[in-house]
Amino acid sequence: MALRFTVQGDTEAETAEGLRMLLSLGLERRLPPTDMISNGWMARAVLPPVTPTPTEDRGPGAPSE
């Protein structure tokens, strides 16, 4: 399960600004500002995928290279 960060605002511009703040922290956009049908606006970002490096410990029982 991925962590999701959501921004909610009263206007599209307000929500877009909040999304820009999340993106400035290194998150990736998953949902652009979307009208939630008279319930405000919402946008969503997630952490970028992390790929393990060959030097990272893979835990007990992991095959050695």
C-alpha atoms as a PDB file:
ATOM      1  CA  MET A   1       0.000   0.000   0.000  1.00  0.00           C
ATOM      2  CA  ALA A   2       1.350   3.412  -0.945  1.00  0.00           C
ATOM      3  CA  LEU A   3       1.133   6.477   1.236  1.00  0.00           C
ATOM      4  CA  ARG A   4      -1.137   9.076  -0.339  1.00  0.00           C
ATOM      5  CA  PHE A   5      -1.108  12.768   0.509  1.00  0.00           C
ATOM      6  CA  THR A   6      -4.290  14.695  -0.222  1.00  0.00           C
ATOM      7  CA  VAL A   7      -4.889  18.418  -0.564  1.00  0.00           C
ATOM      8  CA  GLN A   8      -8.413  19.768  -0.219  1.00  0.00           C
ATOM      9  CA  GLY A   9      -9.412  23.334  -0.959  1.00  0.00           C
ATOM     10  CA  ASP A  10     -12.384  25.542  -1.642  1.00  0.00           C
ATOM     11  CA  THR A  11     -11.161  26.533  -5.123  1.00  0.00           C
ATOM     12  CA  GLU A  12      -9.155  24.963  -7.923  1.00  0.00           C
ATOM     13  CA  ALA A  13      -6.412  27.595  -7.534  1.00  0.00           C
ATOM     14  CA  GLU A  14      -6.116  26.992  -3.790  1.00  0.00           C
ATOM     15  CA  THR A  15      -5.890  23.232  -4.322  1.00  0.00           C
ATOM     16  CA  ALA A  16      -3.335  23.614  -7.129  1.00  0.00           C
ATOM     17  CA  GLU A  17      -1.148  25.718  -4.820  1.00  0.00           C
ATOM     18  CA  GLY A  18      -1.313  23.028  -2.139  1.00  0.00           C
ATOM     19  CA  LEU A  19      -0.391  20.385  -4.712  1.00  0.00           C
ATOM     20  CA  ARG A  20       2.603  22.490  -5.821  1.00  0.00           C
ATOM     21  CA  MET A  21       3.779  22.489  -2.197  1.00  0.00           C
ATOM     22  CA  LEU A  22       3.636  18.691  -2.082  1.00  0.00           C
ATOM     23  CA  LEU A  23       5.487  18.407  -5.390  1.00  0.00           C
ATOM     24  CA  SER A  24       8.195  20.762  -4.106  1.00  0.00           C
ATOM     25  CA  LEU A  25       8.846  18.197  -1.353  1.00  0.00           C
ATOM     26  CA  GLY A  26       9.609  15.511  -3.936  1.00  0.00           C
ATOM     27  CA  LEU A  27       6.216  13.811  -4.135  1.00  0.00           C
ATOM     28  CA  GLU A  28       4.690  12.771  -7.465  1.00  0.00           C
ATOM     29  CA  ARG A  29       1.276  13.920  -8.679  1.00  0.00           C
ATOM     30  CA  ARG A  30      -1.367  11.206  -8.891  1.00  0.00           C
ATOM     31  CA  LEU A  31      -4.567  13.243  -9.110  1.00  0.00           C
ATOM     32  CA  PRO A  32      -4.700  16.784 -10.480  1.00  0.00           C
ATOM     33  CA  PRO A  33      -7.080  19.265  -8.831  1.00  0.00           C
ATOM     34  CA  THR A  34     -10.540  17.738  -9.285  1.00  0.00           C
ATOM     35  CA  ASP A  35     -13.967  19.213  -8.522  1.00  0.00           C
ATOM     36  CA  MET A  36     -15.645  17.020  -5.921  1.00  0.00           C
ATOM     37  CA  ILE A  37     -19.153  18.069  -7.049  1.00  0.00           C
ATOM     38  CA  SER A  38     -19.978  21.009  -4.802  1.00  0.00           C
ATOM     39  CA  ASN A  39     -17.875  19.569  -1.986  1.00  0.00           C
ATOM     40  CA  GLY A  40     -14.663  21.486  -2.748  1.00  0.00           C
ATOM     41  CA  TRP A  41     -11.592  20.469  -4.699  1.00  0.00           C
ATOM     42  CA  MET A  42      -9.103  17.669  -4.119  1.00  0.00           C
ATOM     43  CA  ALA A  43      -5.653  16.726  -5.432  1.00  0.00           C
ATOM     44  CA  ARG A  44      -3.402  13.802  -4.514  1.00  0.00           C
ATOM     45  CA  ALA A  45       0.339  13.035  -4.507  1.00  0.00           C
ATOM     46  CA  VAL A  46       2.398   9.967  -3.562  1.00  0.00           C
ATOM     47  CA  LEU A  47       5.978   9.198  -2.630  1.00  0.00           C
ATOM     48  CA  PRO A  48       8.158   8.264  -5.612  1.00  0.00           C
ATOM     49  CA  PRO A  49       8.975   4.557  -5.930  1.00  0.00           C
ATOM     50  CA  VAL A  50      12.094   3.430  -4.093  1.00  0.00           C
ATOM     51  CA  THR A  51      14.324   0.878  -5.751  1.00  0.00           C
ATOM     52  CA  PRO A  52      16.768  -0.945  -3.489  1.00  0.00           C
ATOM     53  CA  THR A  53      20.424  -0.621  -4.287  1.00  0.00           C
ATOM     54  CA  PRO A  54      22.545  -3.783  -4.500  1.00  0.00           C
ATOM     55  CA  THR A  55      24.344  -2.831  -1.265  1.00  0.00           C
ATOM     56  CA  GLU A  56      21.144  -2.646   0.823  1.00  0.00           C
ATOM     57  CA  ASP A  57      20.428  -5.509   3.202  1.00  0.00           C
ATOM     58  CA  ARG A  58      17.591  -7.620   1.828  1.00  0.00           C
ATOM     59  CA  GLY A  59      16.941  -9.460   5.090  1.00  0.00           C
ATOM     60  CA  PRO A  60      17.544 -12.993   6.263  1.00  0.00           C
ATOM     61  CA  GLY A  61      17.435 -15.718   3.655  1.00  0.00           C
ATOM     62  CA  ALA A  62      18.015 -13.385   0.722  1.00  0.00           C
ATOM     63  CA  PRO A  63      20.402 -14.836  -1.857  1.00  0.00           C
ATOM     64  CA  SER A  64      23.847 -13.292  -1.889  1.00  0.00           C
ATOM     65  CA  GLU A  65      25.295 -11.881  -5.075  1.00  0.00           C
END
